[in-house]
């Protein structure tokens, strides 16, 4: 086999990465459109209500995104092994779990909403339109979670163009319907929420259509007994439970940064919110290569191909590091002008500029854990993802933060703690990789 034809070539990494990068870019575009249509209404409470509702669902659905990651690793290994029955089983099990979780969310929507709004604490005038948004958008849960399962399954099959089609359909339909419902038909927060529900359903329709086409060329058959087999479901749930703990720990870090910034004052909170957007922007690029690592590493394991696994890790790392370096350079050269685009307030521009060096460093230390996340998902090392995240969060990030505050570093200490957290993730995951990789293919 020639190098060009290898499924682990540099070209293969890019073929898997670019559709996910493009699809990720549509996410902030949707947020900008929702902000714009609400921002042109007669009262700011509608914009505030959508902001509250969007935050609630971002946390809720981000917490359930473990379904996507767990499905990817299992599907990639089945794909590498050429096991059509297993591929169908993974998809069936993921969809069963997705529907069960969605039914639970809908059944518990009232207590979940009450608890969420109590924690978020919106003003009384915002609460009513926020409840309207929530009570409509919660019905998107079945489609959202089913899309998580389908996207994870497609990535595991080394098909990232299908997720691109699903996400583009979802986000573009959402944008069009938001404008039509609010600007055209005069709806308020309920219109934006309804646009999201219908858009997720449209994305699911595309996903099901593409999955049927993919399954037509896949051997094996759906076996209800296999899909509902307690041992098989236990394995899937074990992987997903570990990924849930890992995701919740990561969410804790970002919530902690927001909470501590708020304690330092409104200006610091606002400046940190601007700088965190740089971190999110970086994730759009590096996540694409993490997805490539998931698919390629999982395929190599399924093929029992140690050389393929080595190439998958190495080449994904090369391109991740190159893109991370480009981000760091771009932030160093254009970081201050970008801040200027995000805020017109001189105080915030100055404050964000003071802490910008931490953001310039961030891509260079974040890239490693992004890459390891992809490799670990492909290898289904969910227990290690959980353990390394818990150590990095509660034994490194939190203690370092309080040490920096004792030293009087204030917000610089908060950003230093975040950088050290990312270094800790890289070191702990790298250590686990060196321990597990040599024995990965030693099993009979």
Protein backbone atom coordinates (compact mmCIF):
# COMPACT_ATOMS: atom_id res chain seq x y z
CA UNK A 1 0.00 0.00 0.00
CA UNK A 2 1.38 3.39 -0.91
CA UNK A 3 1.64 6.24 1.57
CA UNK A 4 -0.94 8.28 -0.37
CA UNK A 5 -3.46 5.44 -0.16
CA UNK A 6 -2.99 4.89 3.58
CA UNK A 7 -6.03 5.68 5.75
CA UNK A 8 -3.52 7.14 8.23
CA UNK A 9 -1.90 9.64 5.85
CA UNK A 10 -1.64 13.40 6.38
CA UNK A 11 -4.34 13.80 3.72
CA UNK A 12 -6.64 11.50 5.68
CA UNK A 13 -6.22 13.61 8.80
CA UNK A 14 -7.23 16.73 6.87
CA UNK A 15 -10.12 15.00 5.11
CA UNK A 16 -11.55 14.12 8.50
CA UNK A 17 -10.72 17.43 10.19
CA UNK A 18 -11.90 20.11 7.77
CA UNK A 19 -15.64 19.25 7.71
CA UNK A 20 -15.75 19.40 11.51
CA UNK A 21 -13.90 22.74 11.54
CA UNK A 22 -16.37 24.20 9.02
CA UNK A 23 -19.40 22.86 10.92
CA UNK A 24 -18.06 24.27 14.20
CA UNK A 25 -17.84 27.73 12.66
CA UNK A 26 -21.62 27.78 12.10
CA UNK A 27 -22.25 27.55 15.85
CA UNK A 28 -21.20 31.13 16.79
CA UNK A 29 -22.92 32.41 13.63
CA UNK A 30 -26.23 31.10 14.97
CA UNK A 31 -25.62 32.82 18.30
CA UNK A 32 -24.94 36.11 16.54
CA UNK A 33 -28.19 35.88 14.56
CA UNK A 34 -30.30 35.05 17.63
CA UNK A 35 -28.68 37.97 19.46
CA UNK A 36 -29.37 40.30 16.53
CA UNK A 37 -33.06 39.40 16.11
CA UNK A 38 -33.73 39.68 19.85
CA UNK A 39 -31.62 42.81 20.14
CA UNK A 40 -33.88 44.66 17.69
CA UNK A 41 -37.06 44.09 19.69
CA UNK A 42 -38.70 46.83 21.74
CA UNK A 43 -37.42 45.67 25.13
CA UNK A 44 -34.04 44.24 26.23
CA UNK A 45 -35.73 41.64 28.43
CA UNK A 46 -36.27 39.43 25.38
CA UNK A 47 -32.57 39.38 24.58
CA UNK A 48 -31.78 38.70 28.25
CA UNK A 49 -34.35 35.87 28.32
CA UNK A 50 -32.83 34.17 25.27
CA UNK A 51 -29.35 34.62 26.78
CA UNK A 52 -30.52 32.90 29.98
CA UNK A 53 -32.27 30.11 28.08
CA UNK A 54 -29.35 29.57 25.73
CA UNK A 55 -26.96 29.32 28.68
CA UNK A 56 -29.24 26.78 30.35
CA UNK A 57 -29.43 24.54 27.29
CA UNK A 58 -25.75 24.97 26.48
CA UNK A 59 -24.89 23.55 29.90
CA UNK A 60 -27.59 20.88 29.71
CA UNK A 61 -26.73 19.61 26.25
CA UNK A 62 -22.98 20.03 26.72
CA UNK A 63 -23.27 17.79 29.75
CA UNK A 64 -25.00 15.14 27.60
CA UNK A 65 -22.51 15.40 24.74
CA UNK A 66 -20.73 12.38 26.24
CA UNK A 67 -23.13 10.38 24.08
CA UNK A 68 -21.36 11.65 20.97
CA UNK A 69 -17.86 10.86 22.27
CA UNK A 70 -18.72 7.42 23.59
CA UNK A 71 -20.41 6.44 20.34
CA UNK A 72 -17.43 7.59 18.26
CA UNK A 73 -14.89 5.36 19.97
CA UNK A 74 -17.06 2.24 19.87
CA UNK A 75 -18.08 2.83 16.25
CA UNK A 76 -14.48 3.48 15.16
CA UNK A 77 -13.31 0.19 16.64
CA UNK A 78 -16.18 -1.72 15.03
CA UNK A 79 -15.43 0.00 11.70
CA UNK A 80 -11.76 -0.93 11.93
CA UNK A 81 -12.66 -4.53 12.68
CA UNK A 82 -15.03 -4.61 9.68
CA UNK A 83 -17.81 -5.84 11.97
CA UNK A 84 -21.13 -4.75 10.45
CA UNK A 85 -23.19 -6.29 13.23
CA UNK A 86 -21.22 -4.35 15.84
CA UNK A 87 -21.53 -1.10 13.85
CA UNK A 88 -25.29 -1.48 13.71
CA UNK A 89 -25.37 -2.46 17.37
CA UNK A 90 -23.43 0.64 18.42
CA UNK A 91 -25.83 2.89 16.52
CA UNK A 92 -28.89 1.11 17.91
CA UNK A 93 -27.62 1.27 21.49
CA UNK A 94 -26.69 4.95 21.18
CA UNK A 95 -30.15 5.83 19.87
CA UNK A 96 -31.86 3.80 22.62
CA UNK A 97 -29.85 5.67 25.28
CA UNK A 98 -30.53 9.01 23.53
CA UNK A 99 -34.29 8.45 23.54
CA UNK A 100 -34.27 7.31 27.17
CA UNK A 101 -32.36 10.43 28.26
CA UNK A 102 -34.62 12.68 26.17
CA UNK A 103 -37.75 11.13 27.71
CA UNK A 104 -36.28 11.69 31.18
CA UNK A 105 -35.55 15.36 30.42
CA UNK A 106 -39.06 15.96 29.12
CA UNK A 107 -40.66 14.14 32.06
CA UNK A 108 -38.59 16.21 34.54
CA UNK A 109 -38.77 19.48 32.61
CA UNK A 110 -40.59 21.38 35.37
CA UNK A 111 -38.23 20.61 38.28
CA UNK A 112 -35.17 20.92 36.02
CA UNK A 113 -36.37 24.33 34.85
CA UNK A 114 -37.19 25.57 38.34
CA UNK A 115 -33.80 24.52 39.68
CA UNK A 116 -31.98 26.01 36.69
CA UNK A 117 -33.70 29.40 36.90
CA UNK A 118 -33.15 29.49 40.65
CA UNK A 119 -29.42 29.00 40.07
CA UNK A 120 -29.24 31.46 37.17
CA UNK A 121 -31.34 34.04 39.02
CA UNK A 122 -32.75 36.13 36.14
CA UNK A 123 -34.60 39.36 36.95
CA UNK A 124 -38.38 39.01 37.42
CA UNK A 125 -39.12 40.75 34.12
CA UNK A 126 -36.84 38.27 32.33
CA UNK A 127 -38.19 35.16 34.01
CA UNK A 128 -41.50 34.91 32.11
CA UNK A 129 -40.06 35.09 28.57
CA UNK A 130 -37.20 32.83 29.67
CA UNK A 131 -39.74 30.22 30.83
CA UNK A 132 -41.50 30.53 27.47
CA UNK A 133 -38.21 29.86 25.68
CA UNK A 134 -37.39 26.92 27.95
CA UNK A 135 -40.82 25.28 27.77
CA UNK A 136 -40.67 25.24 23.96
CA UNK A 137 -37.04 24.37 23.41
CA UNK A 138 -37.03 21.41 25.82
CA UNK A 139 -38.95 19.52 23.10
CA UNK A 140 -35.81 19.62 20.95
CA UNK A 141 -34.16 17.13 23.34
CA UNK A 142 -35.03 13.93 21.38
CA UNK A 143 -33.63 15.35 18.13
CA UNK A 144 -30.57 16.89 19.82
CA UNK A 145 -29.58 13.66 21.55
CA UNK A 146 -30.32 11.52 18.49
CA UNK A 147 -28.10 13.85 16.48
CA UNK A 148 -25.33 13.39 19.07
CA UNK A 149 -25.58 9.63 18.53
CA UNK A 150 -25.61 9.91 14.73
CA UNK A 151 -22.73 12.39 14.59
CA UNK A 152 -20.61 10.20 16.87
CA UNK A 153 -21.41 7.14 14.77
CA UNK A 154 -20.51 8.87 11.50
CA UNK A 155 -17.21 10.17 12.90
CA UNK A 156 -16.39 6.66 14.08
CA UNK A 157 -16.96 5.46 10.51
CA UNK A 158 -14.46 8.11 9.34
CA UNK A 159 -17.23 10.08 7.68
CA UNK A 160 -17.12 13.69 8.87
CA UNK A 161 -19.00 15.07 5.86
CA UNK A 162 -22.26 13.61 7.18
CA UNK A 163 -21.90 15.50 10.51
CA UNK A 164 -21.12 18.60 8.44
CA UNK A 165 -24.39 18.15 6.53
CA UNK A 166 -26.34 17.59 9.78
CA UNK A 167 -24.88 20.63 11.54
CA UNK A 168 -25.10 22.94 8.53
CA UNK A 169 -28.73 21.96 8.01
CA UNK A 170 -29.54 22.46 11.69
CA UNK A 171 -27.83 25.84 12.03
CA UNK A 172 -28.91 27.32 8.68
CA UNK A 173 -32.54 26.26 9.16
CA UNK A 174 -32.37 27.70 12.67
CA UNK A 175 -31.09 31.03 11.37
CA UNK A 176 -33.76 31.28 8.65
CA UNK A 177 -36.62 30.29 10.97
CA UNK A 178 -35.46 32.61 13.77
CA UNK A 179 -35.55 35.56 11.41
CA UNK A 180 -38.90 34.46 9.92
CA UNK A 181 -40.63 33.79 13.25
CA UNK A 182 -39.39 36.91 15.03
CA UNK A 183 -38.95 39.55 12.33
CA UNK A 184 -41.64 38.22 10.01
CA UNK A 185 -44.37 36.76 12.22
CA UNK A 186 -43.78 38.86 15.33
CA UNK A 187 -43.06 36.05 17.81
CA UNK A 188 -40.68 36.67 20.69
CA UNK A 189 -38.65 34.15 22.70
CA UNK A 190 -41.06 31.34 21.84
CA UNK A 191 -40.32 31.93 18.15
CA UNK A 192 -36.57 31.59 18.63
CA UNK A 193 -37.10 28.42 20.67
CA UNK A 194 -39.48 26.94 18.09
CA UNK A 195 -36.90 27.65 15.38
CA UNK A 196 -34.38 25.59 17.35
CA UNK A 197 -36.80 22.67 17.78
CA UNK A 198 -37.69 22.56 14.07
CA UNK A 199 -34.06 23.02 13.04
CA UNK A 200 -32.90 20.09 15.18
CA UNK A 201 -35.67 17.98 13.65
CA UNK A 202 -34.51 18.99 10.16
CA UNK A 203 -30.94 18.03 11.05
CA UNK A 204 -32.16 14.69 12.37
CA UNK A 205 -34.03 14.08 9.13
CA UNK A 206 -30.81 14.61 7.17
CA UNK A 207 -28.92 12.39 9.61
CA UNK A 208 -31.40 9.53 9.33
CA UNK A 209 -31.37 9.77 5.53
CA UNK A 210 -27.56 9.66 5.45
CA UNK A 211 -27.46 6.82 7.99
CA UNK A 212 -29.84 4.73 5.89
CA UNK A 213 -27.59 5.26 2.88
CA UNK A 214 -24.51 4.30 4.92
CA UNK A 215 -26.19 1.20 6.34
CA UNK A 216 -27.16 0.04 2.84
CA UNK A 217 -23.45 -0.49 2.17
CA UNK A 218 -22.73 -2.02 5.57
CA UNK A 219 -22.87 -5.74 6.23
CA UNK A 220 -24.59 -7.33 9.17
CA UNK A 221 -28.05 -6.77 10.53
CA UNK A 222 -29.82 -5.10 13.41
CA UNK A 223 -30.29 -7.62 16.20
CA UNK A 224 -32.70 -6.44 18.86
CA UNK A 225 -31.33 -8.91 21.38
CA UNK A 226 -27.80 -7.65 20.77
CA UNK A 227 -28.81 -4.00 20.99
CA UNK A 228 -30.65 -4.55 24.28
CA UNK A 229 -28.12 -7.04 25.67
CA UNK A 230 -27.50 -5.99 29.31
CA UNK A 231 -23.75 -6.60 29.12
CA UNK A 232 -23.37 -4.59 25.90
CA UNK A 233 -25.47 -1.76 27.32
CA UNK A 234 -23.46 -1.87 30.52
CA UNK A 235 -20.26 -1.29 28.56
CA UNK A 236 -21.77 1.62 26.66
CA UNK A 237 -23.20 3.15 29.82
CA UNK A 238 -19.88 2.70 31.63
CA UNK A 239 -18.04 4.59 28.90
CA UNK A 240 -20.68 7.32 28.86
CA UNK A 241 -20.82 7.65 32.66
CA UNK A 242 -17.07 8.22 32.81
CA UNK A 243 -17.30 10.79 30.00
CA UNK A 244 -20.13 12.54 31.86
CA UNK A 245 -17.96 12.96 34.96
CA UNK A 246 -15.13 14.23 32.77
CA UNK A 247 -17.42 16.76 31.03
CA UNK A 248 -18.95 18.00 34.28
CA UNK A 249 -15.47 18.57 35.70
CA UNK A 250 -14.49 20.63 32.65
CA UNK A 251 -17.72 22.64 32.94
CA UNK A 252 -16.88 23.25 36.60
CA UNK A 253 -13.58 24.87 35.56
CA UNK A 254 -15.25 27.37 33.23
CA UNK A 255 -18.03 28.06 35.74
CA UNK A 256 -15.38 28.61 38.43
CA UNK A 257 -13.55 31.10 36.21
CA UNK A 258 -16.81 33.00 35.65
CA UNK A 259 -17.74 32.95 39.34
CA UNK A 260 -14.31 34.09 40.57
CA UNK A 261 -14.18 36.79 37.89
CA UNK A 262 -17.57 38.05 39.14
CA UNK A 263 -16.18 38.28 42.67
CA UNK A 264 -13.37 40.48 41.35
CA UNK A 265 -15.82 42.96 39.85
CA UNK A 266 -18.07 43.48 36.86
CA UNK A 267 -15.26 44.81 34.68
CA UNK A 268 -13.06 41.75 35.33
CA UNK A 269 -16.03 39.46 34.69
CA UNK A 270 -16.70 41.17 31.35
CA UNK A 271 -13.03 41.16 30.33
CA UNK A 272 -12.71 37.45 31.14
CA UNK A 273 -15.88 36.73 29.14
CA UNK A 274 -14.23 38.36 26.12
CA UNK A 275 -11.00 36.40 26.59
CA UNK A 276 -12.82 33.08 26.98
CA UNK A 277 -14.17 33.63 23.47
CA UNK A 278 -10.57 33.31 22.24
CA UNK A 279 -10.39 29.88 23.91
CA UNK A 280 -13.66 28.82 22.28
CA UNK A 281 -12.47 30.12 18.90
CA UNK A 282 -9.32 28.03 19.21
CA UNK A 283 -11.38 24.94 20.01
CA UNK A 284 -13.16 25.21 16.64
CA UNK A 285 -9.91 24.46 14.85
CA UNK A 286 -8.29 22.01 17.23
CA UNK A 287 -11.50 19.99 17.73
CA UNK A 288 -11.39 19.05 14.06
CA UNK A 289 -8.05 17.30 14.53
CA UNK A 290 -9.24 15.73 17.79
CA UNK A 291 -12.15 14.22 15.83
CA UNK A 292 -9.68 12.92 13.24
CA UNK A 293 -7.64 11.32 16.02
CA UNK A 294 -10.79 9.70 17.44
CA UNK A 295 -11.70 8.09 14.13
CA UNK A 296 -8.20 7.03 13.11
CA UNK A 297 -7.07 5.74 16.50
CA UNK A 298 -10.28 3.76 16.94
CA UNK A 299 -10.01 2.32 13.44
CA UNK A 300 -6.42 1.19 14.06
CA UNK A 301 -7.47 -0.54 17.29
CA UNK A 302 -10.31 -2.30 15.51
CA UNK A 303 -7.88 -3.41 12.77
CA UNK A 304 -5.34 -4.56 15.38
CA UNK A 305 -2.89 -2.27 13.58
CA UNK A 306 -0.22 -0.84 15.93
CA UNK A 307 1.58 0.98 13.09
CA UNK A 308 -1.68 2.62 12.03
CA UNK A 309 -2.31 3.67 15.62
CA UNK A 310 1.16 5.22 15.85
CA UNK A 311 0.64 7.11 12.59
CA UNK A 312 -2.83 8.27 13.66
CA UNK A 313 -1.47 9.77 16.87
CA UNK A 314 1.66 11.22 15.31
CA UNK A 315 0.05 12.86 12.28
CA UNK A 316 -2.91 14.22 14.21
CA UNK A 317 -0.44 15.69 16.68
CA UNK A 318 1.69 17.30 13.95
CA UNK A 319 -1.29 19.12 12.46
CA UNK A 320 -2.78 20.00 15.84
CA UNK A 321 0.53 21.54 16.94
CA UNK A 322 0.86 23.45 13.65
CA UNK A 323 -2.64 24.92 13.94
CA UNK A 324 -2.15 25.71 17.64
CA UNK A 325 1.05 27.60 16.81
CA UNK A 326 -0.85 29.54 14.14
CA UNK A 327 -3.49 30.48 16.71
CA UNK A 328 -0.84 31.65 19.17
CA UNK A 329 0.83 33.77 16.48
CA UNK A 330 -2.51 35.22 15.36
CA UNK A 331 -3.44 36.11 18.93
CA UNK A 332 -0.04 37.74 19.49
CA UNK A 333 -0.34 39.85 16.33
CA UNK A 334 -4.06 40.55 16.21
CA UNK A 335 -5.33 39.86 19.73
CA UNK A 336 -5.79 43.49 20.70
CA UNK A 337 -7.62 44.45 17.47
CA UNK A 338 -9.90 41.41 17.96
CA UNK A 339 -10.69 42.62 21.48
CA UNK A 340 -11.50 45.99 19.94
CA UNK A 341 -14.04 44.34 17.66
CA UNK A 342 -15.71 42.62 20.61
CA UNK A 343 -16.11 45.70 22.80
CA UNK A 344 -16.10 49.47 22.30
CA UNK A 345 -15.53 50.19 26.00
CA UNK A 346 -12.02 51.46 26.63
CA UNK A 347 -11.88 50.05 30.17
CA UNK A 348 -12.66 46.55 28.92
CA UNK A 349 -10.21 46.87 26.03
CA UNK A 350 -7.48 47.84 28.45
CA UNK A 351 -8.30 45.12 30.97
CA UNK A 352 -8.51 42.40 28.31
CA UNK A 353 -5.18 43.59 26.94
CA UNK A 354 -3.59 43.19 30.37
CA UNK A 355 -4.53 39.49 30.46
CA UNK A 356 -4.11 38.77 26.75
CA UNK A 357 -0.63 37.16 27.19
CA UNK A 358 -2.33 34.21 28.95
CA UNK A 359 -4.53 33.72 25.89
CA UNK A 360 -1.50 33.83 23.58
CA UNK A 361 0.11 31.03 25.61
CA UNK A 362 -3.10 29.02 25.85
CA UNK A 363 -3.07 27.34 22.39
CA UNK A 364 0.46 26.04 22.98
CA UNK A 365 -0.52 24.33 26.24
CA UNK A 366 -4.12 23.39 25.32
CA UNK A 367 -3.27 21.54 22.11
CA UNK A 368 -1.91 18.47 23.90
CA UNK A 369 -5.03 17.70 25.90
CA UNK A 370 -7.21 18.34 22.85
CA UNK A 371 -5.21 15.74 20.95
CA UNK A 372 -5.16 13.27 23.84
CA UNK A 373 -8.93 13.64 24.19
CA UNK A 374 -9.29 12.43 20.61
CA UNK A 375 -6.92 9.49 21.06
CA UNK A 376 -8.53 8.45 24.34
CA UNK A 377 -12.04 8.61 22.83
CA UNK A 378 -10.90 6.41 19.95
CA UNK A 379 -9.34 3.96 22.38
CA UNK A 380 -12.43 4.13 24.66
CA UNK A 381 -10.18 4.98 27.62
CA UNK A 382 -13.06 6.84 29.25
CA UNK A 383 -11.94 5.89 32.76
CA UNK A 384 -8.60 7.57 32.15
CA UNK A 385 -10.31 10.67 30.75
CA UNK A 386 -12.38 10.84 33.93
CA UNK A 387 -9.46 10.31 36.30
CA UNK A 388 -7.04 12.71 34.62
CA UNK A 389 -9.71 15.42 34.47
CA UNK A 390 -10.59 14.99 38.15
CA UNK A 391 -6.92 15.19 39.14
CA UNK A 392 -6.27 18.23 36.93
CA UNK A 393 -9.39 20.03 38.18
CA UNK A 394 -9.50 19.36 41.91
CA UNK A 395 -5.88 18.54 42.76
CA UNK A 396 -4.25 21.11 40.47
CA UNK A 397 -6.55 23.87 39.19
CA UNK A 398 -8.41 24.66 42.44
CA UNK A 399 -5.36 24.51 44.78
CA UNK A 400 -3.21 26.55 42.38
CA UNK A 401 -5.92 29.21 42.17
CA UNK A 402 -6.07 29.64 45.95
CA UNK A 403 -2.29 29.72 46.18
CA UNK A 404 -2.18 32.50 43.58
CA UNK A 405 -4.82 34.44 45.50
CA UNK A 406 -2.80 34.07 48.69
CA UNK A 407 0.11 35.51 46.71
CA UNK A 408 -2.06 38.47 45.63
CA UNK A 409 -2.12 37.68 41.91
CA UNK A 410 -5.90 38.16 41.60
CA UNK A 411 -7.11 37.78 37.97
CA UNK A 412 -3.60 36.98 36.72
CA UNK A 413 -3.69 34.14 39.23
CA UNK A 414 -7.00 32.94 37.82
CA UNK A 415 -5.57 32.76 34.30
CA UNK A 416 -2.32 31.23 35.56
CA UNK A 417 -4.41 28.53 37.24
CA UNK A 418 -6.18 27.82 33.95
CA UNK A 419 -2.91 27.49 32.05
CA UNK A 420 -1.51 25.17 34.75
CA UNK A 421 -4.75 23.18 34.54
CA UNK A 422 -4.23 22.63 30.81
CA UNK A 423 -0.60 21.63 31.43
CA UNK A 424 -1.75 19.17 34.11
CA UNK A 425 -4.21 17.61 31.68
CA UNK A 426 -1.49 17.23 29.07
CA UNK A 427 0.97 15.68 31.54
CA UNK A 428 -1.48 13.27 33.18
CA UNK A 429 -2.96 12.11 29.88
CA UNK A 430 0.48 11.79 28.31
CA UNK A 431 1.57 9.65 31.24
CA UNK A 432 -1.45 7.36 30.84
CA UNK A 433 -0.80 7.10 27.10
CA UNK A 434 2.80 6.00 27.66
CA UNK A 435 1.59 3.38 30.15
CA UNK A 436 -1.26 1.95 28.06
CA UNK A 437 -0.14 2.29 24.45
CA UNK A 438 2.62 -0.39 24.61
CA UNK A 439 0.12 -3.02 25.78
CA UNK A 440 -2.83 -1.89 23.68
CA UNK A 441 -2.27 -4.54 20.99
CA UNK A 442 -0.86 -7.20 23.30
CA UNK A 443 -4.32 -8.60 24.11
CA UNK A 444 -5.25 -11.81 22.34
